[in-house]
């Protein structure tokens, strides 16, 4: 098989997976008796992280993970 054939097969499988998950979500929602949540509703759970730098005071007396404390040297 060529790379194009492999990519086409992967695309078909992915489309089938998306279709199947959608059907499963509708089925579970119907069993629970609730109205299906719109896909756009998922964006409500997103948290916006500002581009402004964090206050350097937040990092006072912290260790760099895996590197140890800033004022000490490795043995």
N, C-alpha and C. Protein backbone atom coordinates (compact mmCIF):
# COMPACT_ATOMS: atom_id res chain seq x y z
N UNK A 1 0.83 -1.17 0.00
CA UNK A 1 0.00 0.00 0.00
C UNK A 1 0.88 1.25 0.00
N UNK A 2 0.41 2.26 -0.65
CA UNK A 2 1.16 3.51 -0.69
C UNK A 2 0.78 4.36 0.53
N UNK A 3 1.52 5.40 0.75
CA UNK A 3 1.24 6.31 1.85
C UNK A 3 -0.14 6.95 1.69
N UNK A 4 -0.49 7.29 0.43
CA UNK A 4 -1.80 7.89 0.18
C UNK A 4 -2.93 6.92 0.53
N UNK A 5 -2.73 5.64 0.20
CA UNK A 5 -3.73 4.63 0.54
C UNK A 5 -3.87 4.49 2.06
N UNK A 6 -2.72 4.51 2.75
CA UNK A 6 -2.74 4.42 4.21
C UNK A 6 -3.47 5.62 4.81
N UNK A 7 -3.18 6.81 4.32
CA UNK A 7 -3.83 8.00 4.83
C UNK A 7 -5.33 7.98 4.56
N UNK A 8 -5.73 7.52 3.39
CA UNK A 8 -7.15 7.41 3.07
C UNK A 8 -7.84 6.42 4.01
N UNK A 9 -7.19 5.30 4.30
CA UNK A 9 -7.75 4.31 5.21
C UNK A 9 -7.89 4.88 6.61
N UNK A 10 -6.88 5.61 7.07
CA UNK A 10 -6.93 6.23 8.39
C UNK A 10 -8.06 7.25 8.45
N UNK A 11 -8.21 8.04 7.39
CA UNK A 11 -9.28 9.04 7.35
C UNK A 11 -10.65 8.38 7.43
N UNK A 12 -10.83 7.27 6.69
CA UNK A 12 -12.11 6.56 6.73
C UNK A 12 -12.38 6.02 8.14
N UNK A 13 -11.35 5.46 8.76
CA UNK A 13 -11.51 4.93 10.13
C UNK A 13 -11.84 6.04 11.12
N UNK A 14 -11.19 7.18 10.98
CA UNK A 14 -11.45 8.30 11.87
C UNK A 14 -12.87 8.82 11.69
N UNK A 15 -13.33 8.94 10.45
CA UNK A 15 -14.70 9.39 10.19
C UNK A 15 -15.70 8.41 10.79
N UNK A 16 -15.44 7.12 10.66
CA UNK A 16 -16.32 6.10 11.23
C UNK A 16 -16.32 6.20 12.76
N UNK A 17 -15.16 6.45 13.35
CA UNK A 17 -15.07 6.60 14.80
C UNK A 17 -15.88 7.81 15.27
N UNK A 18 -15.75 8.92 14.58
CA UNK A 18 -16.50 10.13 14.94
C UNK A 18 -18.00 9.86 14.83
N UNK A 19 -18.41 9.19 13.79
CA UNK A 19 -19.82 8.86 13.59
C UNK A 19 -20.31 7.94 14.72
N UNK A 20 -19.53 6.94 15.06
CA UNK A 20 -19.91 5.99 16.10
C UNK A 20 -19.99 6.65 17.47
N UNK A 21 -19.03 7.51 17.78
CA UNK A 21 -19.05 8.21 19.07
C UNK A 21 -20.28 9.13 19.15
N UNK A 22 -20.62 9.78 18.05
CA UNK A 22 -21.82 10.62 18.03
C UNK A 22 -23.07 9.80 18.31
N UNK A 23 -23.15 8.63 17.69
CA UNK A 23 -24.31 7.76 17.92
C UNK A 23 -24.35 7.30 19.37
N UNK A 24 -23.19 6.98 19.92
CA UNK A 24 -23.12 6.54 21.32
C UNK A 24 -23.54 7.66 22.26
N UNK A 25 -23.08 8.88 22.00
CA UNK A 25 -23.47 10.02 22.84
C UNK A 25 -24.99 10.23 22.79
N UNK A 26 -25.57 10.14 21.59
CA UNK A 26 -27.02 10.31 21.46
C UNK A 26 -27.75 9.19 22.20
N UNK A 27 -27.24 7.98 22.11
CA UNK A 27 -27.88 6.84 22.76
C UNK A 27 -27.85 6.99 24.28
N UNK A 28 -26.71 7.37 24.81
CA UNK A 28 -26.58 7.53 26.26
C UNK A 28 -27.47 8.67 26.74
N UNK A 29 -27.48 9.76 25.99
CA UNK A 29 -28.32 10.91 26.36
C UNK A 29 -29.79 10.51 26.35
N UNK A 30 -30.21 9.73 25.35
CA UNK A 30 -31.60 9.30 25.27
C UNK A 30 -31.96 8.39 26.45
N UNK A 31 -31.03 7.54 26.87
CA UNK A 31 -31.30 6.64 27.99
C UNK A 31 -31.45 7.42 29.29
N UNK A 32 -30.69 8.47 29.42
CA UNK A 32 -30.76 9.29 30.64
C UNK A 32 -31.97 10.23 30.62
N UNK A 33 -32.57 10.40 29.45
CA UNK A 33 -33.75 11.24 29.34
C UNK A 33 -33.44 12.72 29.28
N UNK A 34 -32.21 13.06 29.04
CA UNK A 34 -31.83 14.48 28.97
C UNK A 34 -31.68 14.89 27.52
N UNK A 35 -31.82 16.18 27.30
CA UNK A 35 -31.61 16.71 25.95
C UNK A 35 -30.11 16.72 25.66
N UNK A 36 -29.71 16.41 24.43
CA UNK A 36 -28.29 16.41 24.11
C UNK A 36 -27.70 17.81 24.21
N UNK A 37 -26.51 17.87 24.79
CA UNK A 37 -25.82 19.16 24.91
C UNK A 37 -25.21 19.53 23.57
N UNK A 38 -25.33 20.79 23.18
CA UNK A 38 -24.72 21.22 21.92
C UNK A 38 -23.21 21.15 22.00
N UNK A 39 -22.59 20.88 20.86
CA UNK A 39 -21.12 20.78 20.83
C UNK A 39 -20.49 22.10 21.25
N UNK A 40 -21.13 23.21 20.95
CA UNK A 40 -20.58 24.51 21.32
C UNK A 40 -20.58 24.68 22.83
N UNK A 41 -21.41 23.94 23.56
CA UNK A 41 -21.48 24.05 25.01
C UNK A 41 -20.20 23.62 25.69
N UNK A 42 -19.40 22.83 25.03
CA UNK A 42 -18.15 22.38 25.62
C UNK A 42 -17.16 23.53 25.81
N UNK A 43 -17.28 24.55 25.00
CA UNK A 43 -16.36 25.69 25.10
C UNK A 43 -16.58 26.46 26.40
N UNK A 44 -17.72 26.31 27.05
CA UNK A 44 -17.99 27.00 28.30
C UNK A 44 -17.04 26.56 29.40
N UNK A 45 -16.47 25.37 29.31
CA UNK A 45 -15.58 24.86 30.33
C UNK A 45 -14.14 25.32 30.13
N UNK A 46 -13.87 26.04 29.06
CA UNK A 46 -12.51 26.48 28.78
C UNK A 46 -12.14 27.65 29.68
N UNK A 47 -10.88 27.68 30.09
CA UNK A 47 -10.37 28.76 30.91
C UNK A 47 -9.36 29.54 30.08
N UNK A 48 -9.54 30.85 30.01
CA UNK A 48 -8.62 31.70 29.26
C UNK A 48 -7.42 32.01 30.14
N UNK A 49 -6.24 31.77 29.59
CA UNK A 49 -5.00 32.06 30.30
C UNK A 49 -4.44 33.35 29.74
N UNK A 50 -4.24 34.36 30.59
CA UNK A 50 -3.77 35.64 30.08
C UNK A 50 -2.33 35.56 29.59
N UNK A 51 -1.99 36.46 28.66
CA UNK A 51 -0.63 36.52 28.14
C UNK A 51 0.31 37.29 29.04
N UNK A 52 -0.23 38.02 30.00
CA UNK A 52 0.59 38.82 30.90
C UNK A 52 1.46 37.89 31.76
N UNK A 53 2.68 38.31 32.07
CA UNK A 53 3.55 37.46 32.90
C UNK A 53 2.99 37.34 34.32
N UNK A 54 3.27 36.21 34.94
CA UNK A 54 2.83 35.98 36.31
C UNK A 54 3.68 36.80 37.26
N UNK A 55 3.12 37.08 38.43
CA UNK A 55 3.84 37.77 39.48
C UNK A 55 4.99 36.88 39.93
N UNK A 56 6.21 37.40 39.91
CA UNK A 56 7.38 36.58 40.28
C UNK A 56 7.33 36.15 41.74
N UNK A 57 6.53 36.84 42.55
CA UNK A 57 6.38 36.44 43.95
C UNK A 57 5.74 35.08 44.11
N UNK A 58 5.03 34.63 43.09
CA UNK A 58 4.42 33.29 43.16
C UNK A 58 5.47 32.19 43.21
N UNK A 59 6.66 32.46 42.71
CA UNK A 59 7.68 31.44 42.59
C UNK A 59 8.75 31.54 43.68
N UNK A 60 8.56 32.42 44.66
CA UNK A 60 9.52 32.55 45.75
C UNK A 60 9.58 31.26 46.55
N UNK A 61 10.79 30.83 46.87
CA UNK A 61 11.04 29.62 47.68
C UNK A 61 10.50 28.35 47.04
N UNK A 62 10.50 28.29 45.73
CA UNK A 62 10.08 27.07 45.05
C UNK A 62 11.29 26.34 44.50
N UNK A 63 11.14 25.07 44.29
CA UNK A 63 12.20 24.26 43.69
C UNK A 63 11.86 24.03 42.23
N UNK A 64 12.89 23.96 41.39
CA UNK A 64 12.67 23.58 40.00
C UNK A 64 12.55 22.06 39.99
N UNK A 65 11.42 21.59 39.50
CA UNK A 65 11.16 20.16 39.53
C UNK A 65 12.27 19.40 38.83
N UNK A 66 12.85 18.47 39.57
CA UNK A 66 13.93 17.64 39.00
C UNK A 66 15.30 18.30 39.08
N UNK A 67 15.35 19.59 39.43
CA UNK A 67 16.63 20.28 39.49
C UNK A 67 17.02 20.64 40.91
N UNK A 68 16.09 20.55 41.86
CA UNK A 68 16.39 20.89 43.23
C UNK A 68 16.23 22.36 43.51
N UNK A 69 16.66 22.77 44.68
CA UNK A 69 16.54 24.17 45.09
C UNK A 69 17.54 25.02 44.34
N UNK A 70 17.20 26.30 44.16
CA UNK A 70 18.04 27.21 43.37
C UNK A 70 19.37 27.53 44.07
N UNK A 71 19.36 27.57 45.39
CA UNK A 71 20.58 27.98 46.11
C UNK A 71 21.49 26.81 46.49
N UNK A 72 21.18 25.61 46.05
CA UNK A 72 22.01 24.44 46.38
C UNK A 72 22.51 23.79 45.10
N UNK A 73 23.61 23.08 45.23
CA UNK A 73 24.21 22.38 44.08
C UNK A 73 24.00 20.87 44.24
N UNK A 74 23.99 20.19 43.13
CA UNK A 74 23.85 18.73 43.15
C UNK A 74 25.11 18.12 43.75
N UNK A 75 24.98 16.99 44.43
CA UNK A 75 26.16 16.35 45.05
C UNK A 75 27.18 15.88 44.02
